[in-house]
N, C-alpha and C. Protein backbone atom coordinates (compact mmCIF):
# COMPACT_ATOMS: atom_id res chain seq x y z
N MET A 1 235.67 111.54 -148.61
CA MET A 1 235.93 111.27 -147.34
C MET A 1 236.09 112.21 -146.27
N GLY A 2 236.26 113.37 -146.73
CA GLY A 2 236.53 114.91 -146.10
C GLY A 2 236.02 115.76 -145.37
N PHE A 3 234.75 115.03 -146.43
CA PHE A 3 233.08 116.00 -146.54
C PHE A 3 232.48 115.81 -144.86
N PRO A 4 232.32 114.57 -144.47
CA PRO A 4 231.77 114.53 -143.02
C PRO A 4 232.02 115.42 -141.86
N HIS A 5 233.62 114.98 -142.22
CA HIS A 5 234.50 115.69 -140.93
C HIS A 5 234.35 117.22 -141.07
N ALA A 6 234.32 117.85 -142.31
CA ALA A 6 233.99 119.48 -142.57
C ALA A 6 232.69 119.78 -142.02
N LEU A 7 231.79 118.86 -141.96
CA LEU A 7 230.51 118.56 -141.69
C LEU A 7 230.72 119.00 -139.77
N ALA A 8 231.03 118.09 -139.45
CA ALA A 8 231.09 118.16 -137.83
C ALA A 8 231.66 119.39 -137.31
N THR A 9 232.76 119.64 -137.82
CA THR A 9 233.96 120.84 -137.74
C THR A 9 232.49 122.49 -137.86
N LEU A 10 232.02 122.16 -138.87
CA LEU A 10 230.87 123.17 -138.89
C LEU A 10 229.88 123.58 -138.03
N GLU A 11 229.12 122.32 -137.62
CA GLU A 11 228.57 122.41 -136.78
C GLU A 11 228.79 122.48 -135.15
N PHE A 12 230.44 122.10 -135.23
CA PHE A 12 230.53 122.87 -133.68
C PHE A 12 231.11 123.89 -133.89
N LYS A 13 231.35 124.56 -134.79
CA LYS A 13 231.47 126.45 -134.78
C LYS A 13 230.11 127.12 -134.23
N MET A 14 229.12 126.27 -135.12
CA MET A 14 228.22 127.29 -134.90
C MET A 14 227.77 127.11 -133.27
N LYS A 15 227.58 125.85 -133.00
CA LYS A 15 227.33 125.38 -131.39
C LYS A 15 228.20 126.50 -130.32
N ILE A 16 229.43 126.52 -130.78
CA ILE A 16 230.54 127.83 -129.69
C ILE A 16 229.61 128.91 -130.08
N GLN A 17 229.62 129.60 -131.43
CA GLN A 17 228.77 130.61 -131.63
C GLN A 17 227.46 130.79 -130.78
N THR A 18 226.63 129.70 -130.75
CA THR A 18 225.53 129.96 -130.17
C THR A 18 225.68 130.23 -129.04
N LEU A 19 226.70 129.49 -128.11
CA LEU A 19 227.16 129.58 -126.69
C LEU A 19 227.51 130.67 -126.29
N ILE A 20 228.51 131.22 -127.18
CA ILE A 20 229.16 133.09 -126.73
C ILE A 20 227.94 133.78 -126.63
N ALA A 21 226.89 133.61 -127.78
CA ALA A 21 226.21 134.66 -128.13
C ALA A 21 225.14 134.46 -126.89
N ALA A 22 224.73 133.38 -126.59
CA ALA A 22 223.62 133.04 -124.76
C ALA A 22 224.47 133.74 -124.21
N LEU A 23 226.12 133.37 -123.84
CA LEU A 23 226.41 134.08 -122.69
C LEU A 23 226.68 135.69 -122.80
N ILE A 24 226.96 136.03 -123.37
CA ILE A 24 226.63 137.66 -123.93
C ILE A 24 225.13 138.19 -123.48
N LEU A 25 224.27 137.81 -124.30
CA LEU A 25 223.00 137.61 -124.11
C LEU A 25 222.83 138.00 -122.45
N ALA A 26 223.33 137.05 -121.75
CA ALA A 26 222.64 136.23 -119.98
C ALA A 26 223.69 137.78 -119.32
N ALA A 27 224.70 137.76 -119.65
CA ALA A 27 225.82 138.64 -119.01
C ALA A 27 225.31 139.96 -119.00
N GLY A 28 224.67 140.56 -120.27
CA GLY A 28 224.13 141.63 -120.49
C GLY A 28 222.91 142.11 -119.88
N GLY A 29 222.06 140.90 -119.77
CA GLY A 29 220.69 141.07 -118.70
C GLY A 29 221.15 141.16 -117.75
N THR A 30 222.20 140.36 -116.94
CA THR A 30 222.36 140.86 -115.54
C THR A 30 222.78 142.10 -115.18
N ALA A 31 223.40 142.71 -116.24
CA ALA A 31 224.14 144.19 -115.85
C ALA A 31 223.24 145.03 -115.71
N PHE A 32 222.04 144.65 -117.06
CA PHE A 32 220.96 145.60 -117.00
C PHE A 32 220.09 145.37 -115.64
N ALA A 33 219.72 144.40 -115.00
CA ALA A 33 219.13 143.84 -113.66
C ALA A 33 219.52 144.15 -112.43
N GLN A 34 221.54 144.40 -112.36
CA GLN A 34 221.84 145.05 -111.46
C GLN A 34 222.13 146.46 -111.21
N THR A 35 221.62 147.41 -112.30
CA THR A 35 221.94 149.03 -112.37
C THR A 35 220.73 149.30 -111.26
N THR A 36 221.03 150.05 -110.33
CA THR A 36 220.58 150.94 -109.35
C THR A 36 219.20 151.77 -110.03
N PRO A 37 218.53 151.56 -109.80
CA PRO A 37 216.99 152.17 -110.30
C PRO A 37 216.91 153.52 -109.97
N SER A 38 216.65 154.60 -111.30
CA SER A 38 217.00 155.89 -111.66
C SER A 38 215.42 156.71 -110.70
N PRO A 39 216.00 157.58 -109.58
CA PRO A 39 215.33 158.31 -108.62
C PRO A 39 213.84 158.49 -109.68
N ALA A 40 213.42 158.68 -108.61
CA ALA A 40 211.59 159.47 -109.42
C ALA A 40 211.84 160.85 -109.78
N PRO A 41 211.22 161.10 -111.10
CA PRO A 41 211.52 162.22 -111.39
C PRO A 41 210.83 163.71 -110.66
N THR A 42 212.27 164.48 -110.12
CA THR A 42 211.45 165.56 -109.07
C THR A 42 210.48 166.58 -110.04
N VAL A 43 209.38 166.63 -109.22
CA VAL A 43 208.47 167.62 -109.77
C VAL A 43 208.73 168.96 -109.76
N LYS A 44 209.00 169.75 -110.46
CA LYS A 44 209.27 171.26 -110.35
C LYS A 44 208.05 172.18 -109.74
N ASP A 45 208.35 172.26 -108.70
CA ASP A 45 207.46 173.80 -108.22
C ASP A 45 207.22 175.06 -109.28
N PRO A 46 206.13 175.11 -109.28
CA PRO A 46 205.90 175.88 -110.01
C PRO A 46 206.20 177.51 -109.55
N THR A 47 205.89 177.76 -108.52
CA THR A 47 206.18 179.04 -107.95
C THR A 47 207.83 179.24 -107.48
N ALA A 48 208.74 178.17 -107.81
CA ALA A 48 209.67 178.19 -107.39
C ALA A 48 210.78 179.10 -108.11
N THR A 49 211.33 179.93 -108.06
CA THR A 49 212.13 180.96 -108.07
C THR A 49 213.42 181.34 -107.43
N PRO A 50 214.48 180.09 -107.02
CA PRO A 50 215.60 180.22 -106.80
C PRO A 50 216.42 181.35 -107.40
N GLY A 51 216.34 181.40 -108.97
CA GLY A 51 217.59 182.58 -108.95
C GLY A 51 217.08 183.74 -108.76
N LEU A 52 216.04 184.19 -108.72
CA LEU A 52 215.66 185.36 -107.82
C LEU A 52 216.03 185.43 -106.96
N ASP A 53 215.68 184.73 -105.87
CA ASP A 53 215.84 184.40 -104.64
C ASP A 53 217.49 185.14 -104.48
N LYS A 54 218.20 184.30 -104.84
CA LYS A 54 219.76 184.47 -104.63
C LYS A 54 219.82 185.40 -105.28
N ARG A 55 219.96 186.12 -106.26
CA ARG A 55 219.88 187.50 -106.57
C ARG A 55 219.18 188.73 -105.57
N GLN A 56 218.24 188.06 -104.93
CA GLN A 56 217.43 189.24 -103.98
C GLN A 56 218.97 189.51 -102.84
N ALA A 57 218.47 188.38 -102.45
CA ALA A 57 220.32 187.92 -101.54
C ALA A 57 221.24 188.85 -101.53
N GLU A 58 221.69 188.36 -102.85
CA GLU A 58 223.01 189.14 -103.24
C GLU A 58 222.74 191.11 -102.99
N GLN A 59 221.74 191.14 -103.56
CA GLN A 59 221.56 192.49 -104.01
C GLN A 59 221.69 193.30 -102.52
N GLN A 60 220.95 192.33 -101.71
CA GLN A 60 220.77 193.02 -100.28
C GLN A 60 222.08 193.09 -99.66
N LYS A 61 223.01 192.01 -100.13
CA LYS A 61 224.55 192.20 -99.52
C LYS A 61 225.42 193.59 -99.93
N ARG A 62 224.98 193.59 -100.76
CA ARG A 62 225.20 194.68 -101.98
C ARG A 62 224.98 195.91 -101.32
N ILE A 63 223.69 196.12 -101.04
CA ILE A 63 222.93 197.73 -100.08
C ILE A 63 224.11 197.77 -98.80
N ASP A 64 223.84 196.59 -98.01
CA ASP A 64 224.72 196.62 -96.52
C ASP A 64 225.87 196.82 -96.77
N GLN A 65 226.62 196.13 -97.47
CA GLN A 65 228.38 196.42 -98.04
C GLN A 65 228.54 197.99 -98.28
N GLY A 66 227.28 198.61 -99.08
CA GLY A 66 227.49 199.87 -99.32
C GLY A 66 227.60 201.01 -98.68
N VAL A 67 226.77 200.33 -97.32
CA VAL A 67 226.49 201.60 -96.15
C VAL A 67 227.74 201.27 -95.28
N ALA A 68 227.98 200.06 -95.09
CA ALA A 68 229.67 200.21 -94.04
C ALA A 68 230.21 200.66 -94.64
N SER A 69 230.71 200.38 -95.84
CA SER A 69 231.89 201.62 -96.69
C SER A 69 231.55 202.76 -96.73
N GLY A 70 229.95 202.95 -96.80
CA GLY A 70 230.11 204.87 -96.60
C GLY A 70 229.86 205.30 -97.77
N GLN A 71 229.68 204.27 -99.16
CA GLN A 71 229.28 204.67 -100.07
C GLN A 71 228.22 204.98 -100.53
N LEU A 72 227.05 204.20 -99.47
CA LEU A 72 225.31 204.88 -99.63
C LEU A 72 225.57 205.28 -98.38
N ASN A 73 224.68 206.77 -98.54
CA ASN A 73 224.00 207.20 -97.11
C ASN A 73 222.87 206.62 -97.25
N ASP A 74 221.82 207.04 -96.43
CA ASP A 74 221.01 206.88 -95.41
C ASP A 74 219.94 206.48 -96.36
N LYS A 75 219.86 207.61 -96.99
CA LYS A 75 218.12 208.13 -97.78
C LYS A 75 218.67 207.08 -99.41
N GLU A 76 220.12 207.26 -100.05
CA GLU A 76 219.66 205.90 -100.88
C GLU A 76 219.82 204.30 -100.59
N ALA A 77 220.41 204.20 -99.11
CA ALA A 77 220.08 203.10 -99.15
C ALA A 77 218.49 202.82 -99.00
N ALA A 78 217.92 203.44 -98.16
CA ALA A 78 216.51 203.09 -98.21
C ALA A 78 215.90 203.33 -98.93
N ARG A 79 215.85 204.15 -99.98
CA ARG A 79 215.27 204.19 -101.19
C ARG A 79 215.66 202.88 -102.23
N LEU A 80 216.93 202.37 -102.19
CA LEU A 80 217.33 201.04 -102.31
C LEU A 80 216.63 199.76 -101.89
N ARG A 81 216.66 199.76 -100.60
CA ARG A 81 215.55 199.00 -99.96
C ARG A 81 214.27 198.64 -100.18
N ALA A 82 213.42 200.05 -100.33
CA ALA A 82 212.18 199.95 -100.93
C ALA A 82 212.15 199.42 -102.24
N ARG A 83 212.32 199.39 -102.85
CA ARG A 83 212.82 198.99 -104.12
C ARG A 83 212.92 197.05 -104.36
N GLU A 84 213.89 196.68 -103.09
CA GLU A 84 214.54 195.34 -103.04
C GLU A 84 212.64 194.65 -102.38
N THR A 85 212.36 195.59 -101.68
CA THR A 85 210.42 195.27 -100.97
C THR A 85 209.66 195.61 -102.16
N LYS A 86 209.48 195.99 -102.73
CA LYS A 86 208.71 196.13 -104.12
C LYS A 86 209.05 194.74 -104.95
N LEU A 87 209.94 194.73 -105.20
CA LEU A 87 210.27 193.53 -105.96
C LEU A 87 209.79 192.10 -105.18
N GLU A 88 210.23 191.94 -104.06
CA GLU A 88 209.39 190.71 -103.42
C GLU A 88 208.02 191.10 -103.27
N ALA A 89 207.27 191.78 -103.10
CA ALA A 89 205.74 192.29 -103.02
C ALA A 89 205.55 191.63 -104.71
N ASP A 90 205.99 192.00 -105.52
CA ASP A 90 205.89 191.58 -106.59
C ASP A 90 206.04 189.94 -107.08
N LYS A 91 206.94 189.63 -106.55
CA LYS A 91 207.39 188.02 -106.59
C LYS A 91 206.02 187.52 -105.88
N GLN A 92 205.83 188.12 -105.03
CA GLN A 92 204.40 186.91 -104.08
C GLN A 92 203.40 187.17 -104.34
N ALA A 93 202.90 188.41 -105.41
CA ALA A 93 202.19 188.64 -106.05
C ALA A 93 201.71 187.98 -107.40
N ALA A 94 202.95 187.16 -108.23
CA ALA A 94 203.32 186.66 -109.09
C ALA A 94 202.64 184.74 -108.62
N LYS A 95 203.51 184.84 -107.00
CA LYS A 95 203.23 183.27 -106.93
C LYS A 95 201.77 182.93 -106.52
N ALA A 96 201.29 183.91 -106.18
CA ALA A 96 199.14 183.75 -105.64
C ALA A 96 198.79 183.12 -106.46
N ASP A 97 198.83 183.25 -107.33
CA ASP A 97 197.73 181.86 -108.40
C ASP A 97 198.20 180.75 -108.18
N GLY A 98 199.70 180.38 -107.31
CA GLY A 98 200.08 179.25 -107.51
C GLY A 98 200.93 178.72 -108.60
N LYS A 99 201.35 179.69 -109.29
CA LYS A 99 202.18 179.51 -110.96
C LYS A 99 203.24 180.70 -111.00
N VAL A 100 204.09 180.77 -111.07
CA VAL A 100 204.86 181.80 -112.08
C VAL A 100 205.09 181.59 -113.60
N THR A 101 204.41 182.11 -114.01
CA THR A 101 204.30 182.29 -115.41
C THR A 101 205.54 182.50 -116.21
N ALA A 102 205.82 182.32 -117.33
CA ALA A 102 206.80 183.18 -117.86
C ALA A 102 206.93 184.45 -118.49
N PRO A 103 206.09 185.18 -118.35
CA PRO A 103 205.81 186.40 -118.54
C PRO A 103 206.04 186.84 -117.05
N GLU A 104 205.95 185.99 -116.23
CA GLU A 104 205.85 186.98 -114.61
C GLU A 104 206.99 186.86 -114.53
N ARG A 105 207.42 185.84 -114.49
CA ARG A 105 209.25 185.40 -114.44
C ARG A 105 210.06 186.76 -114.69
N LYS A 106 209.82 186.99 -116.51
CA LYS A 106 210.64 187.68 -116.61
C LYS A 106 210.80 189.17 -116.31
N LYS A 107 209.19 189.78 -115.89
CA LYS A 107 209.07 191.09 -115.50
C LYS A 107 209.78 190.93 -114.28
N LEU A 108 210.08 189.99 -113.10
CA LEU A 108 210.76 190.30 -112.09
C LEU A 108 211.72 190.09 -112.17
N HIS A 109 212.81 189.47 -113.55
CA HIS A 109 214.11 189.44 -113.84
C HIS A 109 214.28 190.90 -114.13
N ARG A 110 213.56 191.34 -115.06
CA ARG A 110 213.93 192.31 -115.21
C ARG A 110 213.80 193.65 -114.46
N GLU A 111 212.85 193.76 -113.39
CA GLU A 111 213.13 194.53 -112.41
C GLU A 111 214.21 194.14 -111.46
N ALA A 112 214.18 193.23 -111.21
CA ALA A 112 215.61 192.76 -110.41
C ALA A 112 217.08 193.49 -111.22
N HIS A 113 217.07 193.43 -112.41
CA HIS A 113 217.96 193.84 -113.13
C HIS A 113 218.13 195.20 -112.87
N ARG A 114 216.89 195.96 -112.92
CA ARG A 114 217.34 197.40 -113.07
C ARG A 114 217.99 197.88 -111.38
N ASP A 115 216.59 196.91 -110.44
CA ASP A 115 217.05 197.08 -109.10
C ASP A 115 219.02 197.38 -109.04
N SER A 116 219.40 196.13 -109.59
CA SER A 116 220.82 195.74 -109.76
C SER A 116 221.72 197.54 -110.20
N LYS A 117 221.18 197.89 -111.46
CA LYS A 117 221.67 198.76 -111.94
C LYS A 117 221.78 200.15 -111.06
N ALA A 118 220.47 200.45 -110.17
CA ALA A 118 220.30 201.30 -109.30
C ALA A 118 221.37 201.43 -108.49
N ILE A 119 221.77 199.90 -107.76
CA ILE A 119 222.43 199.82 -106.85
C ILE A 119 224.05 200.47 -107.36
N HIS A 120 224.35 199.79 -108.32
CA HIS A 120 225.41 200.15 -108.82
C HIS A 120 225.76 201.45 -109.21
N ARG A 121 225.00 202.08 -109.97
CA ARG A 121 224.55 203.90 -109.79
C ARG A 121 224.96 204.56 -108.58
N GLN A 122 224.01 204.07 -107.65
CA GLN A 122 224.26 204.90 -106.11
C GLN A 122 225.49 204.63 -105.35
N LYS A 123 226.20 203.42 -105.46
CA LYS A 123 227.16 202.80 -104.78
C LYS A 123 228.84 203.62 -105.49
N HIS A 124 228.82 203.82 -106.79
CA HIS A 124 229.73 204.53 -107.55
C HIS A 124 229.58 206.32 -108.20
N ASP A 125 228.31 206.52 -107.51
CA ASP A 125 227.99 208.06 -107.90
C ASP A 125 229.01 209.36 -106.88
N ARG A 126 230.13 209.14 -106.37
CA ARG A 126 230.98 209.74 -105.25
C ARG A 126 229.95 210.66 -104.73
N GLN A 127 229.23 210.00 -103.97
CA GLN A 127 228.64 210.84 -102.72
C GLN A 127 228.98 209.59 -101.53
N ASN A 128 230.12 210.08 -100.98
CA ASN A 128 230.66 208.79 -99.90
C ASN A 128 230.44 209.67 -98.66
N THR A 129 229.91 208.92 -97.99
CA THR A 129 229.73 209.18 -96.13
C THR A 129 230.84 208.84 -95.34
N ALA A 130 230.91 208.72 -94.24
CA ALA A 130 232.39 208.33 -93.27
C ALA A 130 231.06 206.85 -93.55
N PRO A 131 232.06 205.97 -93.63
CA PRO A 131 231.76 204.38 -93.68
C PRO A 131 230.88 204.01 -91.90
N ALA A 132 230.08 203.00 -91.64
CA ALA A 132 229.17 203.07 -90.85
C ALA A 132 230.26 201.91 -89.52
N ARG A 133 229.97 202.16 -88.80
CA ARG A 133 230.53 201.47 -87.60
C ARG A 133 229.96 200.27 -86.94
């Protein structure tokens, strides 16, 4: 006699589980439907050199600061600015074909590093002049 009652309880539990699963799937589906679309992938400019551009600007500021403080004389500053001009010309030559390749990028960064060391050496060589006004 208890068997039909157990069968009804089992069917009821299965219906409840099916209903819960359907609700979870429906809620999950609406959550995915309401997400904002991801932005379109940006195309990297093959000639972009943002790190090098920033470094060049910083090195130019260091040269200007050295002149202002008297750590660099006019001749030293002119020589350092010539190095920076050469670096810019090399960068433009690397960009000329429409892409800055990894070896070109490495060469440019190495040149910028050498220029940075030259700025440091000249600023700290104890050849001080009167600060520019």
